[in-house]
């Protein structure tokens, strides 16, 4: 007896490598990627902006017969930022909360309970000759060119001497830093 296989079975048994139909063709095409980096700054040394540069503290002061000088550091008042390389940046300091108009005679720390004040000033240089302001409040802005790395800008502060010392307690102020690029 002779075995007959159906024709469809033979077709399935043949190797499929011989098929050169359209479905075996391939085509290649390129696509383009791009990014546009714009000028920008991050305040602080991390990848996100900080909410404060910390507190610049004059410490415990028993008298003000002579001025008290302090210098900021990272986390204690220094302005720390990272900007796109080559970006022209302007750093401006506001008046603080207790002075209106010109800061040429000094900014003011205030004792909240009594309203008493202590005069102080903020400078761009260690010699304390360039008052740091916003360009229209009696002080000068600082203009710089960004390097792309984290940069720290120290603040040189002076608590001004006074003949009449106000009462003991904590005196404070807040100064707005404005970074323009």
N, C-alpha and C. Protein backbone atom coordinates (compact mmCIF):
# COMPACT_ATOMS: atom_id res chain seq x y z
N UNK A 1 0.84 -1.15 0.00
CA UNK A 1 0.00 0.00 0.00
C UNK A 1 0.90 1.23 0.00
N UNK A 2 0.52 2.05 -0.76
CA UNK A 2 1.29 3.23 -0.98
C UNK A 2 0.70 4.37 -0.16
N UNK A 3 1.59 5.14 0.52
CA UNK A 3 1.12 6.24 1.37
C UNK A 3 1.09 7.51 0.57
N UNK A 4 0.03 8.18 0.65
CA UNK A 4 -0.07 9.47 -0.04
C UNK A 4 -0.14 10.59 0.99
N UNK A 5 0.78 11.48 0.86
CA UNK A 5 0.79 12.65 1.74
C UNK A 5 0.10 13.79 1.02
N UNK A 6 -0.63 14.53 1.76
CA UNK A 6 -1.27 15.67 1.10
C UNK A 6 -0.21 16.68 0.66
N UNK A 7 -0.53 17.43 -0.36
CA UNK A 7 0.38 18.40 -0.95
C UNK A 7 0.76 19.51 0.05
N UNK A 8 -0.12 19.94 0.85
CA UNK A 8 0.16 20.99 1.83
C UNK A 8 1.24 20.57 2.81
N UNK A 9 1.32 19.28 3.11
CA UNK A 9 2.35 18.80 4.03
C UNK A 9 3.73 18.93 3.41
N UNK A 10 3.86 18.69 2.17
CA UNK A 10 5.13 18.84 1.48
C UNK A 10 5.58 20.29 1.46
N UNK A 11 4.67 21.20 1.29
CA UNK A 11 5.01 22.62 1.25
C UNK A 11 5.54 23.08 2.62
N UNK A 12 5.02 22.53 3.66
CA UNK A 12 5.48 22.92 5.00
C UNK A 12 6.83 22.30 5.31
N UNK A 13 7.16 21.22 4.71
CA UNK A 13 8.41 20.54 4.97
C UNK A 13 9.58 21.16 4.24
N UNK A 14 9.34 21.99 3.22
CA UNK A 14 10.42 22.63 2.47
C UNK A 14 11.05 23.75 3.30
N UNK A 15 12.35 23.98 3.18
CA UNK A 15 12.99 25.06 3.93
C UNK A 15 12.47 26.42 3.46
N UNK A 16 12.34 27.36 4.41
CA UNK A 16 11.78 28.68 4.12
C UNK A 16 12.84 29.65 3.64
N UNK A 17 14.13 29.31 3.64
CA UNK A 17 15.21 30.22 3.27
C UNK A 17 15.19 30.63 1.82
N UNK A 18 14.51 29.97 1.02
CA UNK A 18 14.52 30.30 -0.40
C UNK A 18 13.56 31.43 -0.74
N UNK A 19 12.72 31.83 0.16
CA UNK A 19 11.74 32.89 -0.11
C UNK A 19 12.43 34.24 -0.19
N UNK A 20 12.27 34.96 -1.27
CA UNK A 20 12.87 36.29 -1.45
C UNK A 20 11.78 37.33 -1.69
N UNK A 21 10.66 37.16 -1.12
CA UNK A 21 9.54 38.08 -1.33
C UNK A 21 9.80 39.44 -0.71
N UNK A 22 8.92 40.37 -0.98
CA UNK A 22 9.03 41.76 -0.54
C UNK A 22 9.13 41.88 0.97
N UNK A 23 8.49 41.00 1.70
CA UNK A 23 8.51 41.09 3.16
C UNK A 23 9.88 40.82 3.76
N UNK A 24 10.83 40.28 3.00
CA UNK A 24 12.18 40.03 3.50
C UNK A 24 13.12 41.21 3.26
N UNK A 25 12.71 42.23 2.53
CA UNK A 25 13.56 43.38 2.27
C UNK A 25 13.62 44.27 3.49
N UNK A 26 14.73 45.00 3.69
CA UNK A 26 14.80 45.97 4.79
C UNK A 26 15.21 47.32 4.24
N UNK A 27 14.83 48.34 4.91
CA UNK A 27 15.20 49.70 4.56
C UNK A 27 15.73 50.36 5.81
N UNK A 28 16.65 51.29 5.65
CA UNK A 28 17.21 52.03 6.79
C UNK A 28 17.00 53.52 6.57
N UNK A 29 16.82 54.23 7.62
CA UNK A 29 16.64 55.68 7.56
C UNK A 29 17.21 56.28 8.86
N UNK A 30 17.86 57.40 8.77
CA UNK A 30 18.42 58.05 9.96
C UNK A 30 17.40 59.00 10.58
N UNK A 31 17.60 59.30 11.85
CA UNK A 31 16.86 60.39 12.48
C UNK A 31 17.86 61.27 13.20
N UNK A 32 17.48 62.50 13.45
CA UNK A 32 18.39 63.49 14.02
C UNK A 32 17.99 63.79 15.45
N UNK A 33 18.99 64.00 16.29
CA UNK A 33 18.78 64.44 17.67
C UNK A 33 19.40 65.81 17.82
N UNK A 34 18.80 66.65 18.63
CA UNK A 34 19.40 67.96 18.88
C UNK A 34 19.00 68.45 20.25
N UNK A 35 19.78 69.36 20.76
CA UNK A 35 19.49 70.04 22.03
C UNK A 35 20.01 71.45 21.90
N UNK A 36 19.27 72.39 22.44
CA UNK A 36 19.70 73.78 22.45
C UNK A 36 19.92 74.19 23.89
N UNK A 37 21.14 74.47 24.24
CA UNK A 37 21.46 74.90 25.59
C UNK A 37 21.34 76.42 25.64
N UNK A 38 20.52 76.91 26.55
CA UNK A 38 20.34 78.35 26.71
C UNK A 38 21.04 78.81 27.98
N UNK A 39 21.33 80.09 28.06
CA UNK A 39 21.96 80.63 29.26
C UNK A 39 21.07 80.38 30.47
N UNK A 40 21.68 79.96 31.55
CA UNK A 40 20.93 79.71 32.77
C UNK A 40 21.85 79.63 33.96
N UNK A 41 21.27 79.74 35.14
CA UNK A 41 22.02 79.65 36.40
C UNK A 41 21.24 78.82 37.41
N UNK A 42 21.98 78.11 38.24
CA UNK A 42 21.42 77.41 39.39
C UNK A 42 22.04 78.07 40.62
N UNK A 43 21.20 78.54 41.53
CA UNK A 43 21.69 79.16 42.76
C UNK A 43 22.02 78.05 43.74
N UNK A 44 23.24 78.02 44.20
CA UNK A 44 23.70 76.95 45.08
C UNK A 44 24.63 76.03 44.31
N UNK A 45 25.16 75.04 44.98
CA UNK A 45 26.16 74.16 44.36
C UNK A 45 25.58 72.85 43.88
N UNK A 46 24.28 72.67 44.01
CA UNK A 46 23.66 71.43 43.56
C UNK A 46 23.02 71.57 42.20
N UNK A 47 22.08 70.66 41.90
CA UNK A 47 21.39 70.68 40.61
C UNK A 47 20.08 71.44 40.66
N UNK A 48 19.66 71.86 41.85
CA UNK A 48 18.42 72.63 42.01
C UNK A 48 18.73 73.87 42.84
N UNK A 49 17.94 74.92 42.60
CA UNK A 49 18.14 76.17 43.33
C UNK A 49 17.94 76.00 44.83
N UNK A 50 18.77 76.69 45.60
CA UNK A 50 18.61 76.70 47.05
C UNK A 50 17.60 77.79 47.42
N UNK A 51 17.01 77.69 48.59
CA UNK A 51 16.06 78.70 49.03
C UNK A 51 16.73 79.77 49.89
N UNK A 52 17.94 79.50 50.36
CA UNK A 52 18.68 80.47 51.16
C UNK A 52 20.18 80.21 51.02
N UNK A 53 20.96 81.26 51.18
CA UNK A 53 22.41 81.11 51.19
C UNK A 53 22.94 80.99 52.61
N UNK A 54 22.04 80.88 53.59
CA UNK A 54 22.45 80.72 54.98
C UNK A 54 22.47 82.04 55.72
N UNK A 55 23.08 82.05 56.90
CA UNK A 55 23.13 83.22 57.76
C UNK A 55 24.56 83.69 57.93
N UNK A 56 24.78 84.95 57.66
CA UNK A 56 26.08 85.59 57.91
C UNK A 56 25.96 86.19 59.31
N UNK A 57 26.73 85.65 60.26
CA UNK A 57 26.55 85.98 61.67
C UNK A 57 27.73 86.80 62.19
N UNK A 58 27.43 87.94 62.81
CA UNK A 58 28.46 88.76 63.44
C UNK A 58 28.88 88.19 64.80
N UNK A 59 28.18 87.20 65.29
CA UNK A 59 28.52 86.57 66.57
C UNK A 59 28.01 87.36 67.76
N UNK A 60 28.55 87.04 68.94
CA UNK A 60 28.20 87.74 70.18
C UNK A 60 29.07 88.99 70.30
N UNK A 61 28.43 90.14 70.38
CA UNK A 61 29.14 91.41 70.37
C UNK A 61 28.90 92.12 71.72
N UNK A 62 29.94 92.29 72.54
CA UNK A 62 29.76 92.96 73.83
C UNK A 62 29.76 94.49 73.73
N UNK A 63 30.43 95.02 72.71
CA UNK A 63 30.45 96.48 72.52
C UNK A 63 30.71 96.78 71.06
N UNK A 64 30.42 98.01 70.68
CA UNK A 64 30.66 98.43 69.30
C UNK A 64 31.50 99.71 69.27
N UNK A 65 32.56 99.73 70.10
CA UNK A 65 33.49 100.85 70.08
C UNK A 65 34.24 100.90 68.75
N UNK A 66 34.45 99.72 68.15
CA UNK A 66 35.10 99.61 66.83
C UNK A 66 34.22 98.71 65.97
N UNK A 67 34.32 98.84 64.66
CA UNK A 67 33.51 97.98 63.78
C UNK A 67 33.88 96.51 63.94
N UNK A 68 32.92 95.65 63.66
CA UNK A 68 33.13 94.20 63.68
C UNK A 68 33.03 93.71 62.24
N UNK A 69 34.12 93.10 61.74
CA UNK A 69 34.17 92.61 60.37
C UNK A 69 34.05 91.09 60.34
N UNK A 70 33.26 90.57 59.38
CA UNK A 70 33.14 89.14 59.14
C UNK A 70 33.12 88.90 57.63
N UNK A 71 33.47 87.67 57.25
CA UNK A 71 33.46 87.27 55.84
C UNK A 71 32.58 86.04 55.72
N UNK A 72 31.76 86.01 54.68
CA UNK A 72 30.86 84.88 54.47
C UNK A 72 31.62 83.64 54.02
N UNK A 73 30.94 82.50 54.06
CA UNK A 73 31.45 81.24 53.52
C UNK A 73 30.25 80.48 52.98
N UNK A 74 30.50 79.37 52.29
CA UNK A 74 29.39 78.59 51.74
C UNK A 74 28.48 78.12 52.87
N UNK A 75 27.18 78.36 52.71
CA UNK A 75 26.20 78.00 53.73
C UNK A 75 26.06 79.06 54.80
N UNK A 76 26.94 80.06 54.79
CA UNK A 76 26.90 81.15 55.78
C UNK A 76 27.01 82.50 55.08
N UNK A 77 26.14 82.72 54.09
CA UNK A 77 26.04 84.02 53.45
C UNK A 77 26.68 84.17 52.09
N UNK A 78 27.65 83.33 51.73
CA UNK A 78 28.27 83.46 50.41
C UNK A 78 27.25 83.18 49.32
N UNK A 79 27.37 83.88 48.21
CA UNK A 79 26.52 83.63 47.05
C UNK A 79 27.19 82.53 46.23
N UNK A 80 26.50 81.43 46.06
CA UNK A 80 27.05 80.28 45.35
C UNK A 80 26.13 80.00 44.16
N UNK A 81 26.74 79.90 42.97
CA UNK A 81 25.94 79.63 41.78
C UNK A 81 26.74 78.91 40.72
N UNK A 82 26.03 78.32 39.79
CA UNK A 82 26.64 77.65 38.64
C UNK A 82 25.82 78.08 37.43
N UNK A 83 26.51 78.73 36.46
CA UNK A 83 25.83 79.25 35.28
C UNK A 83 26.49 78.71 34.01
N UNK A 84 25.76 78.77 32.93
CA UNK A 84 26.26 78.36 31.62
C UNK A 84 27.56 79.11 31.33
N UNK A 85 28.61 78.41 30.87
CA UNK A 85 29.90 79.07 30.62
C UNK A 85 29.77 80.26 29.67
N UNK A 86 30.49 81.33 30.02
CA UNK A 86 30.51 82.53 29.19
C UNK A 86 29.33 83.45 29.39
N UNK A 87 28.36 83.05 30.20
CA UNK A 87 27.18 83.87 30.43
C UNK A 87 27.56 85.10 31.24
N UNK A 88 27.21 86.31 30.77
CA UNK A 88 27.43 87.48 31.60
C UNK A 88 26.38 87.50 32.72
N UNK A 89 26.84 87.60 33.95
CA UNK A 89 25.97 87.54 35.12
C UNK A 89 26.16 88.80 35.96
N UNK A 90 25.06 89.32 36.49
CA UNK A 90 25.11 90.46 37.41
C UNK A 90 24.53 90.02 38.74
N UNK A 91 25.27 90.25 39.82
CA UNK A 91 24.81 89.96 41.17
C UNK A 91 24.48 91.28 41.87
N UNK A 92 23.25 91.39 42.35
CA UNK A 92 22.81 92.61 43.03
C UNK A 92 22.29 92.25 44.41
N UNK A 93 22.56 93.13 45.38
CA UNK A 93 22.04 92.96 46.74
C UNK A 93 21.07 94.09 47.04
N UNK A 94 19.92 93.71 47.58
CA UNK A 94 18.91 94.68 47.96
C UNK A 94 19.27 95.43 49.24
N UNK A 95 18.36 96.29 49.66
CA UNK A 95 18.58 97.13 50.85
C UNK A 95 18.54 96.37 52.16
N UNK A 96 17.84 95.26 52.19
CA UNK A 96 17.48 94.64 53.45
C UNK A 96 16.07 95.10 53.78
N UNK A 97 15.53 94.62 54.88
CA UNK A 97 14.14 94.92 55.24
C UNK A 97 13.95 96.21 56.03
N UNK A 98 15.04 96.83 56.48
CA UNK A 98 14.89 97.93 57.44
C UNK A 98 15.41 99.27 56.95
N UNK A 99 15.70 99.36 55.64
CA UNK A 99 16.18 100.63 55.06
C UNK A 99 15.40 100.87 53.78
N UNK A 100 15.00 102.10 53.57
CA UNK A 100 14.42 102.47 52.28
C UNK A 100 15.32 103.53 51.67
N UNK A 101 15.42 103.52 50.36
CA UNK A 101 16.27 104.51 49.70
C UNK A 101 17.72 104.08 49.69
N UNK A 102 18.60 105.02 49.97
CA UNK A 102 20.03 104.78 49.87
C UNK A 102 20.57 103.98 51.06
N UNK A 103 21.51 103.10 50.74
CA UNK A 103 22.18 102.30 51.79
C UNK A 103 23.55 102.88 52.12
N UNK A 104 23.86 104.05 51.58
CA UNK A 104 25.20 104.62 51.75
C UNK A 104 25.57 104.84 53.22
N UNK A 105 24.59 105.09 54.09
CA UNK A 105 24.86 105.27 55.52
C UNK A 105 24.80 103.94 56.27
N UNK A 106 24.49 102.87 55.57
CA UNK A 106 24.42 101.55 56.19
C UNK A 106 23.04 100.95 56.12
N UNK A 107 23.01 99.63 56.15
CA UNK A 107 21.77 98.88 56.27
C UNK A 107 21.49 98.74 57.76
N UNK A 108 20.36 98.16 58.12
CA UNK A 108 19.99 98.07 59.54
C UNK A 108 19.57 96.66 59.95
N UNK A 109 20.20 96.17 61.03
CA UNK A 109 19.71 94.99 61.74
C UNK A 109 18.67 95.52 62.72
N UNK A 110 17.59 94.80 62.95
CA UNK A 110 16.56 95.27 63.86
C UNK A 110 16.28 94.23 64.94
N UNK A 111 16.01 94.71 66.14
CA UNK A 111 15.55 93.87 67.23
C UNK A 111 14.03 93.94 67.20
N UNK A 112 13.38 92.84 66.84
CA UNK A 112 11.94 92.83 66.60
C UNK A 112 11.12 93.30 67.79
N UNK A 113 11.54 92.96 69.01
CA UNK A 113 10.74 93.29 70.20
C UNK A 113 10.71 94.79 70.49
N UNK A 114 11.78 95.50 70.17
CA UNK A 114 11.87 96.91 70.56
C UNK A 114 11.97 97.87 69.37
N UNK A 115 12.30 97.36 68.20
CA UNK A 115 12.49 98.23 67.03
C UNK A 115 13.85 98.92 67.00
N UNK A 116 14.74 98.61 67.97
CA UNK A 116 16.08 99.20 67.98
C UNK A 116 16.88 98.62 66.80
N UNK A 117 17.85 99.39 66.32
CA UNK A 117 18.62 98.94 65.16
C UNK A 117 20.12 99.05 65.39
N UNK A 118 20.86 98.29 64.61
CA UNK A 118 22.31 98.36 64.52
C UNK A 118 22.65 98.54 63.04
N UNK A 119 23.57 99.44 62.75
CA UNK A 119 23.97 99.70 61.36
C UNK A 119 25.04 98.71 60.92
N UNK A 120 24.90 98.23 59.68
CA UNK A 120 25.90 97.35 59.09
C UNK A 120 26.02 97.67 57.60
N UNK A 121 27.05 97.12 56.97
CA UNK A 121 27.22 97.30 55.53
C UNK A 121 27.79 96.03 54.91
N UNK A 122 27.50 95.84 53.63
CA UNK A 122 27.97 94.69 52.87
C UNK A 122 28.84 95.18 51.72
N UNK A 123 30.00 94.51 51.55
CA UNK A 123 30.98 94.96 50.56
C UNK A 123 31.36 93.81 49.62
N UNK A 124 31.88 94.20 48.45
CA UNK A 124 32.35 93.23 47.47
C UNK A 124 33.80 92.83 47.67
N UNK A 125 34.55 93.62 48.41
CA UNK A 125 35.99 93.38 48.51
C UNK A 125 36.46 93.37 49.97
N UNK A 126 37.59 92.72 50.19
CA UNK A 126 38.14 92.57 51.54
C UNK A 126 38.53 93.91 52.16
N UNK A 127 38.89 94.89 51.33
CA UNK A 127 39.25 96.21 51.85
C UNK A 127 38.01 96.99 52.31
N UNK A 128 36.83 96.46 51.99
CA UNK A 128 35.56 97.07 52.37
C UNK A 128 35.44 98.51 51.84
N UNK A 129 35.76 98.65 50.56
CA UNK A 129 35.65 99.97 49.92
C UNK A 129 34.54 100.03 48.87
N UNK A 130 34.05 98.87 48.40
CA UNK A 130 32.99 98.86 47.39
C UNK A 130 31.71 98.30 48.00
N UNK A 131 30.76 99.20 48.28
CA UNK A 131 29.48 98.80 48.86
C UNK A 131 28.71 97.98 47.81
N UNK A 132 28.20 96.82 48.24
CA UNK A 132 27.49 95.93 47.34
C UNK A 132 26.01 96.26 47.40
N UNK A 133 25.46 96.66 46.27
CA UNK A 133 24.05 97.00 46.20
C UNK A 133 23.43 96.56 44.89
N UNK A 134 22.42 97.30 44.45
CA UNK A 134 21.74 96.92 43.21
C UNK A 134 21.95 97.93 42.08
N UNK A 135 22.86 98.87 42.28
CA UNK A 135 23.16 99.85 41.25
C UNK A 135 22.38 101.13 41.38
N UNK A 136 21.29 101.11 42.14
CA UNK A 136 20.50 102.33 42.30
C UNK A 136 20.20 102.65 43.77
N UNK A 137 20.68 101.83 44.67
CA UNK A 137 20.39 102.04 46.09
C UNK A 137 21.60 102.55 46.88
N UNK A 138 22.60 103.06 46.19
CA UNK A 138 23.80 103.53 46.87
C UNK A 138 24.94 102.54 46.86
N UNK A 139 24.73 101.38 46.24
CA UNK A 139 25.76 100.35 46.13
C UNK A 139 25.91 99.90 44.69
N UNK A 140 26.99 99.16 44.44
CA UNK A 140 27.36 98.73 43.10
C UNK A 140 27.05 97.25 42.90
N UNK A 141 26.59 96.89 41.70
CA UNK A 141 26.40 95.47 41.38
C UNK A 141 27.75 94.84 41.05
N UNK A 142 27.81 93.53 41.10
CA UNK A 142 29.01 92.79 40.71
C UNK A 142 28.71 92.12 39.37
N UNK A 143 29.54 92.40 38.36
CA UNK A 143 29.37 91.81 37.03
C UNK A 143 30.47 90.80 36.82
N UNK A 144 30.12 89.60 36.35
CA UNK A 144 31.09 88.53 36.19
C UNK A 144 30.76 87.73 34.95
N UNK A 145 31.67 86.86 34.56
CA UNK A 145 31.45 85.94 33.46
C UNK A 145 31.49 84.53 34.03
N UNK A 146 30.44 83.78 33.78
CA UNK A 146 30.32 82.43 34.34
C UNK A 146 31.32 81.47 33.69
N UNK A 147 31.79 80.51 34.49
CA UNK A 147 32.76 79.52 34.00
C UNK A 147 32.13 78.17 33.70
N UNK A 148 30.91 77.95 34.17
CA UNK A 148 30.28 76.64 34.04
C UNK A 148 30.48 75.78 35.28
N UNK A 149 31.42 76.17 36.12
CA UNK A 149 31.67 75.47 37.39
C UNK A 149 30.94 76.20 38.52
N UNK A 150 30.86 75.56 39.68
CA UNK A 150 30.29 76.22 40.85
C UNK A 150 31.23 77.36 41.25
N UNK A 151 30.66 78.55 41.41
CA UNK A 151 31.45 79.72 41.81
C UNK A 151 30.89 80.29 43.11
N UNK A 152 31.80 80.67 44.01
CA UNK A 152 31.41 81.26 45.30
C UNK A 152 31.85 82.72 45.31
N UNK A 153 30.94 83.58 45.72
CA UNK A 153 31.24 85.01 45.85
C UNK A 153 31.03 85.40 47.30
N UNK A 154 32.14 85.75 47.94
CA UNK A 154 32.12 86.09 49.35
C UNK A 154 31.54 87.49 49.55
N UNK A 155 30.89 87.66 50.70
CA UNK A 155 30.39 88.96 51.12
C UNK A 155 31.22 89.38 52.32
N UNK A 156 31.74 90.59 52.24
CA UNK A 156 32.54 91.15 53.32
C UNK A 156 31.63 92.10 54.08
N UNK A 157 31.31 91.74 55.32
CA UNK A 157 30.33 92.50 56.10
C UNK A 157 31.00 93.24 57.25
N UNK A 158 30.41 94.36 57.58
CA UNK A 158 30.92 95.17 58.69
C UNK A 158 29.74 95.65 59.54
N UNK A 159 29.79 95.34 60.82
CA UNK A 159 28.85 95.90 61.79
C UNK A 159 29.48 97.21 62.25
N UNK A 160 28.81 98.31 61.96
CA UNK A 160 29.40 99.63 62.18
C UNK A 160 29.44 99.98 63.66
N UNK A 161 30.46 100.73 64.05
CA UNK A 161 30.58 101.13 65.45
C UNK A 161 29.51 102.17 65.79
N UNK A 162 29.21 102.25 67.08
CA UNK A 162 28.23 103.21 67.57
C UNK A 162 28.63 103.70 68.95
N UNK A 163 28.28 104.94 69.24
CA UNK A 163 28.58 105.51 70.55
C UNK A 163 27.58 104.99 71.59
N UNK A 164 26.32 104.97 71.22
CA UNK A 164 25.28 104.50 72.14
C UNK A 164 24.86 103.10 71.73
N UNK A 165 25.16 102.14 72.59
CA UNK A 165 24.83 100.74 72.32
C UNK A 165 23.38 100.48 72.69
N UNK A 166 22.58 99.90 71.78
CA UNK A 166 21.20 99.56 72.13
C UNK A 166 21.16 98.37 73.09
N UNK A 167 19.96 98.00 73.51
CA UNK A 167 19.81 96.93 74.50
C UNK A 167 20.23 95.57 73.95
N UNK A 168 20.54 94.65 74.88
CA UNK A 168 20.96 93.29 74.51
C UNK A 168 19.81 92.55 73.84
N UNK A 169 20.15 91.65 72.95
CA UNK A 169 19.15 90.85 72.25
C UNK A 169 19.63 90.49 70.85
N UNK A 170 18.79 89.83 70.12
CA UNK A 170 19.13 89.40 68.77
C UNK A 170 18.60 90.40 67.75
N UNK A 171 19.49 90.85 66.88
CA UNK A 171 19.17 91.79 65.81
C UNK A 171 19.35 91.05 64.48
N UNK A 172 18.44 91.27 63.55
CA UNK A 172 18.55 90.53 62.28
C UNK A 172 18.00 91.34 61.11
N UNK A 173 18.31 90.87 59.92
CA UNK A 173 17.85 91.46 58.68
C UNK A 173 17.93 90.38 57.60
N UNK A 174 17.25 90.57 56.50
CA UNK A 174 17.31 89.68 55.33
C UNK A 174 17.58 90.55 54.11
N UNK A 175 18.49 90.10 53.28
CA UNK A 175 18.88 90.84 52.07
C UNK A 175 18.57 89.97 50.86
N UNK A 176 17.88 90.55 49.89
CA UNK A 176 17.54 89.84 48.66
C UNK A 176 18.72 89.86 47.68
N UNK A 177 19.11 88.68 47.20
CA UNK A 177 20.14 88.54 46.18
C UNK A 177 19.42 88.37 44.84
N UNK A 178 19.77 89.20 43.86
CA UNK A 178 19.19 89.08 42.53
C UNK A 178 20.28 88.73 41.53
N UNK A 179 20.11 87.61 40.82
CA UNK A 179 21.04 87.15 39.81
C UNK A 179 20.39 87.40 38.46
N UNK A 180 21.05 88.22 37.64
CA UNK A 180 20.52 88.53 36.31
C UNK A 180 21.52 88.00 35.27
N UNK A 181 20.98 87.30 34.27
CA UNK A 181 21.83 86.76 33.22
C UNK A 181 21.12 86.85 31.88
